[in-house]
Amino acid sequence: MGMHDSFNLAWKLAAVIKENADPQLLDTYEEERRPIAQRLLDFDRQFYEYFDEPLSKMSVEDYRVKFTEATSKEHCDISGVSVCYADIHASHESRHVQSSLAPGIPMGKRFPGGTVIRQADGRALDLLEVLPSTGHWRVLVFPVDLRESALLSRYVELGQSLQAMKTRNARLCEILSIHGSARHDIDLMDLPEIFHPWHEEFGWDYGKVFADDTSYHDSTAGVLYRDLQVSSEGL
């Protein structure tokens, strides 16, 4: 939990120092982390009471049930995985979220994992593996099936808009795409450049487009859209 505290504050400090965010962002550290800390303290107090409770006051079976309920209920909060900030920011005027487009991605919680296939070489990767905690902002685009002309047109239009934003602001966040087409039906170089940007030193970036496709090497691949319940409209 302390690691989560540190990371929450560190990326916000970095964003403010680099002038990528308003200093008011720092106020959200206490708003987000203090309730989590309080819940942990409450749980620790309750957990201690279970150990301190004389067995003579209850049967061994009742004690076992109470202990199991307490640990299973709070286990995810202890690890920090299930922490959710959605309630804190639910009324914020800048929060515009259409959760119906992907009910499997709960707002305010840790992004779900899942297997994706890298478009360039077919390698199966855990989605969280390509989202390292570096403090950067990221945009994940789910354009659904790029073999459909209407969806491809929307994707191209989005790419043009993002490219224009990048031209005006060099600090644009990293953009990743996860399409729902068969990987072999899509040519990476046919996609807008913003999704496989050019680097003067390293050339084309082949690591930003992925497919929700099956894999001979990983049986967990090909179900990300299903698990995240991504709308047919894309996200």
Protein backbone atom coordinates (compact mmCIF):
# COMPACT_ATOMS: atom_id res chain seq x y z
CA MET A 1 0.00 0.00 0.00
CA GLY A 2 2.93 2.31 0.72
CA MET A 3 4.24 1.65 -2.79
CA HIS A 4 0.89 2.78 -4.17
CA ASP A 5 1.11 5.95 -2.08
CA SER A 6 4.59 6.65 -3.41
CA PHE A 7 3.66 6.07 -7.04
CA ASN A 8 0.47 8.13 -6.80
CA LEU A 9 2.43 11.12 -5.49
CA ALA A 10 5.52 10.62 -7.67
CA TRP A 11 3.82 10.78 -11.07
CA LYS A 12 1.82 13.82 -10.02
CA LEU A 13 4.92 15.63 -8.79
CA ALA A 14 6.70 14.77 -12.05
CA ALA A 15 3.77 16.06 -14.12
CA VAL A 16 3.67 19.36 -12.24
CA ILE A 17 7.46 19.84 -12.27
CA LYS A 18 7.54 19.24 -16.03
CA GLU A 19 4.62 21.67 -16.41
CA ASN A 20 2.42 18.97 -17.92
CA ALA A 21 -0.23 19.48 -15.22
CA ASP A 22 -1.62 22.21 -13.01
CA PRO A 23 -0.28 22.25 -9.41
CA GLN A 24 -3.85 21.64 -8.21
CA LEU A 25 -3.34 18.05 -9.34
CA LEU A 26 -1.34 17.52 -6.14
CA ASP A 27 -4.49 18.06 -4.08
CA THR A 28 -5.84 14.77 -5.44
CA TYR A 29 -3.12 12.80 -3.65
CA GLU A 30 -4.77 13.14 -0.25
CA GLU A 31 -8.27 12.92 -1.73
CA GLU A 32 -7.42 9.56 -3.27
CA ARG A 33 -5.00 7.96 -0.85
CA ARG A 34 -6.24 9.07 2.60
CA PRO A 35 -9.51 7.05 2.39
CA ILE A 36 -7.50 4.01 1.30
CA ALA A 37 -5.15 4.40 4.27
CA GLN A 38 -8.12 4.75 6.63
CA ARG A 39 -9.70 1.56 5.29
CA LEU A 40 -6.42 -0.28 5.81
CA LEU A 41 -6.15 0.96 9.40
CA ASP A 42 -9.74 -0.08 10.07
CA PHE A 43 -9.02 -3.51 8.68
CA ASP A 44 -5.83 -3.88 10.73
CA ARG A 45 -7.77 -2.99 13.87
CA GLN A 46 -10.47 -5.54 13.03
CA PHE A 47 -7.88 -8.16 12.13
CA TYR A 48 -6.14 -7.66 15.48
CA GLU A 49 -9.42 -8.09 17.34
CA TYR A 50 -9.91 -11.48 15.70
CA PHE A 51 -6.57 -12.64 17.06
CA ASP A 52 -7.20 -11.04 20.44
CA GLU A 53 -10.69 -12.51 20.81
CA PRO A 54 -10.61 -15.41 23.32
CA LEU A 55 -11.69 -18.63 21.68
CA SER A 56 -13.84 -19.35 24.72
CA LYS A 57 -16.32 -16.71 23.46
CA MET A 58 -17.06 -18.58 20.25
CA SER A 59 -16.69 -21.99 18.70
CA VAL A 60 -13.68 -22.84 16.59
CA GLU A 61 -15.93 -23.07 13.54
CA ASP A 62 -17.46 -19.62 14.15
CA TYR A 63 -13.99 -18.20 14.61
CA ARG A 64 -12.82 -19.79 11.34
CA VAL A 65 -15.82 -18.41 9.41
CA LYS A 66 -15.33 -14.88 10.76
CA PHE A 67 -11.60 -14.97 10.00
CA THR A 68 -12.17 -16.25 6.45
CA GLU A 69 -14.83 -13.64 5.73
CA ALA A 70 -12.61 -10.82 6.92
CA THR A 71 -9.55 -11.84 4.94
CA SER A 72 -11.39 -12.68 1.72
CA LYS A 73 -13.42 -9.45 1.78
CA GLU A 74 -10.42 -7.20 2.32
CA HIS A 75 -7.73 -9.17 0.49
CA CYS A 76 -7.88 -7.15 -2.73
CA ASP A 77 -7.85 -3.85 -0.83
CA ILE A 78 -4.76 -4.99 1.08
CA SER A 79 -2.91 -5.62 -2.18
CA GLY A 80 -4.19 -2.36 -3.65
CA VAL A 81 -5.46 -4.07 -6.80
CA SER A 82 -9.14 -3.30 -6.19
CA VAL A 83 -8.71 0.34 -5.14
CA CYS A 84 -11.19 2.53 -6.97
CA TYR A 85 -11.09 6.33 -7.24
CA ALA A 86 -14.32 6.60 -9.25
CA ASP A 87 -16.49 7.76 -6.35
CA ILE A 88 -14.09 10.59 -5.52
CA HIS A 89 -14.17 12.09 -9.00
CA ALA A 90 -17.71 11.11 -10.00
CA SER A 91 -19.05 14.64 -9.74
CA HIS A 92 -16.06 16.37 -11.31
CA GLU A 93 -17.21 18.63 -14.15
CA SER A 94 -14.44 17.43 -16.50
CA ARG A 95 -15.29 13.75 -16.13
CA HIS A 96 -17.08 12.56 -19.27
CA VAL A 97 -17.14 8.79 -19.39
CA GLN A 98 -19.31 6.49 -21.46
CA SER A 99 -18.80 3.34 -19.45
CA SER A 100 -21.37 1.55 -21.62
CA LEU A 101 -18.77 1.38 -24.41
CA ALA A 102 -16.69 -1.06 -22.36
CA PRO A 103 -18.33 -2.18 -19.10
CA GLY A 104 -15.39 -4.49 -18.46
CA ILE A 105 -13.12 -1.46 -17.90
CA PRO A 106 -14.27 -0.01 -14.56
CA MET A 107 -13.56 3.70 -14.31
CA GLY A 108 -11.18 4.67 -11.51
CA LYS A 109 -9.72 1.20 -11.06
CA ARG A 110 -6.56 -0.55 -12.18
CA PHE A 111 -6.77 -1.32 -15.89
CA PRO A 112 -7.61 -5.02 -16.46
CA GLY A 113 -4.99 -7.31 -17.91
CA GLY A 114 -5.39 -9.58 -20.90
CA THR A 115 -3.44 -11.05 -23.79
CA VAL A 116 -2.84 -9.11 -27.00
CA ILE A 117 -0.93 -10.02 -30.16
CA ARG A 118 1.65 -7.54 -31.38
CA GLN A 119 0.79 -6.61 -34.94
CA ALA A 120 4.39 -6.42 -36.17
CA ASP A 121 5.60 -9.90 -35.19
CA GLY A 122 2.68 -11.90 -33.78
CA ARG A 123 4.11 -12.12 -30.29
CA ALA A 124 1.59 -12.68 -27.50
CA LEU A 125 1.95 -10.20 -24.64
CA ASP A 126 0.03 -9.38 -21.50
CA LEU A 127 -1.57 -5.98 -22.02
CA LEU A 128 -0.14 -4.74 -18.73
CA GLU A 129 3.31 -5.69 -20.00
CA VAL A 130 3.06 -2.97 -22.65
CA LEU A 131 1.78 -0.44 -20.11
CA PRO A 132 4.80 -0.04 -17.80
CA SER A 133 4.39 2.38 -14.91
CA THR A 134 6.46 5.29 -16.20
CA GLY A 135 4.14 8.13 -15.23
CA HIS A 136 3.16 8.81 -18.84
CA TRP A 137 -0.40 9.32 -19.98
CA ARG A 138 -1.66 6.83 -22.52
CA VAL A 139 -4.56 6.60 -24.93
CA LEU A 140 -5.76 3.09 -25.75
CA VAL A 141 -7.81 2.90 -28.93
CA PHE A 142 -10.14 -0.05 -29.55
CA PRO A 143 -11.20 0.45 -33.19
CA VAL A 144 -12.87 -2.99 -33.41
CA ASP A 145 -12.64 -4.63 -36.89
CA LEU A 146 -10.53 -2.52 -39.23
CA ARG A 147 -11.64 -4.65 -42.18
CA GLU A 148 -14.97 -2.81 -42.05
CA SER A 149 -14.73 0.39 -44.11
CA ALA A 150 -16.84 2.50 -41.75
CA LEU A 151 -14.76 1.56 -38.71
CA LEU A 152 -11.52 2.03 -40.63
CA SER A 153 -12.65 5.51 -41.71
CA ARG A 154 -13.35 6.46 -38.10
CA TYR A 155 -9.93 5.15 -37.11
CA VAL A 156 -8.19 7.15 -39.84
CA GLU A 157 -10.12 10.28 -38.87
CA LEU A 158 -9.10 9.79 -35.24
CA GLY A 159 -5.49 9.38 -36.34
CA GLN A 160 -5.62 12.65 -38.25
CA SER A 161 -7.03 14.47 -35.22
CA LEU A 162 -4.38 13.03 -32.93
CA GLN A 163 -1.66 13.91 -35.42
CA ALA A 164 -2.86 17.50 -35.46
CA MET A 165 -2.78 17.58 -31.66
CA LYS A 166 0.75 16.18 -31.66
CA THR A 167 1.86 18.85 -34.11
CA ARG A 168 0.63 21.52 -31.69
CA ASN A 169 1.86 19.75 -28.56
CA ALA A 170 5.00 17.60 -28.67
CA ARG A 171 4.20 16.18 -25.22
CA LEU A 172 1.17 14.29 -26.44
CA CYS A 173 0.71 11.06 -24.52
CA GLU A 174 1.57 7.63 -25.93
CA ILE A 175 -1.09 6.14 -28.20
CA LEU A 176 -1.68 2.39 -28.43
CA SER A 177 -4.18 0.56 -30.66
CA ILE A 178 -5.79 -2.82 -30.06
CA HIS A 179 -7.93 -3.77 -33.04
CA GLY A 180 -10.34 -6.66 -33.28
CA SER A 181 -9.35 -7.90 -36.74
CA ALA A 182 -7.41 -10.99 -37.69
CA ARG A 183 -3.79 -9.87 -37.52
CA HIS A 184 -2.84 -11.21 -40.97
CA ASP A 185 -5.61 -9.14 -42.59
CA ILE A 186 -4.09 -5.84 -41.44
CA ASP A 187 -0.91 -4.19 -42.73
CA LEU A 188 0.68 -2.01 -40.07
CA MET A 189 2.07 0.43 -42.62
CA ASP A 190 -1.42 1.06 -44.04
CA LEU A 191 -2.49 2.58 -40.72
CA PRO A 192 -2.12 6.31 -39.92
CA GLU A 193 1.42 7.22 -38.94
CA ILE A 194 0.39 8.43 -35.48
CA PHE A 195 -0.23 4.76 -34.58
CA HIS A 196 3.27 3.67 -35.67
CA PRO A 197 5.23 6.93 -35.39
CA TRP A 198 8.58 7.61 -37.02
CA HIS A 199 11.63 8.23 -34.87
CA GLU A 200 14.68 9.94 -36.38
CA GLU A 201 17.07 7.56 -34.62
CA PHE A 202 15.14 4.28 -34.44
CA GLY A 203 12.81 4.44 -37.45
CA TRP A 204 9.22 3.18 -37.38
CA ASP A 205 7.77 2.19 -34.01
CA TYR A 206 6.41 -1.34 -34.38
CA GLY A 207 5.30 -1.71 -30.78
CA LYS A 208 2.13 0.36 -30.54
CA VAL A 209 -0.43 -1.64 -32.55
CA PHE A 210 -1.87 -4.92 -31.29
CA ALA A 211 -4.59 -7.35 -32.30
CA ASP A 212 -7.16 -9.15 -30.21
CA ASP A 213 -6.47 -12.30 -32.20
CA THR A 214 -5.88 -15.95 -31.43
CA SER A 215 -2.39 -17.40 -31.11
CA TYR A 216 -0.93 -20.88 -31.57
CA HIS A 217 1.44 -20.14 -28.68
CA ASP A 218 -0.97 -18.69 -26.11
CA SER A 219 -4.43 -20.09 -25.41
CA THR A 220 -5.44 -16.96 -23.47
CA ALA A 221 -5.31 -14.76 -26.59
CA GLY A 222 -8.28 -13.61 -28.65
CA VAL A 223 -10.77 -12.86 -25.87
CA LEU A 224 -9.82 -9.35 -24.72
CA TYR A 225 -12.71 -7.59 -26.48
CA ARG A 226 -15.08 -10.13 -24.98
CA ASP A 227 -13.66 -9.82 -21.48
CA LEU A 228 -13.65 -6.02 -21.55
CA GLN A 229 -17.10 -6.02 -23.20
CA VAL A 230 -15.98 -3.54 -25.84
CA SER A 231 -18.87 -2.12 -27.81
CA SER A 232 -19.21 -2.83 -31.53
CA GLU A 233 -18.83 0.94 -31.98
CA GLY A 234 -15.28 0.82 -30.68
CA LEU A 235 -13.67 2.84 -27.91
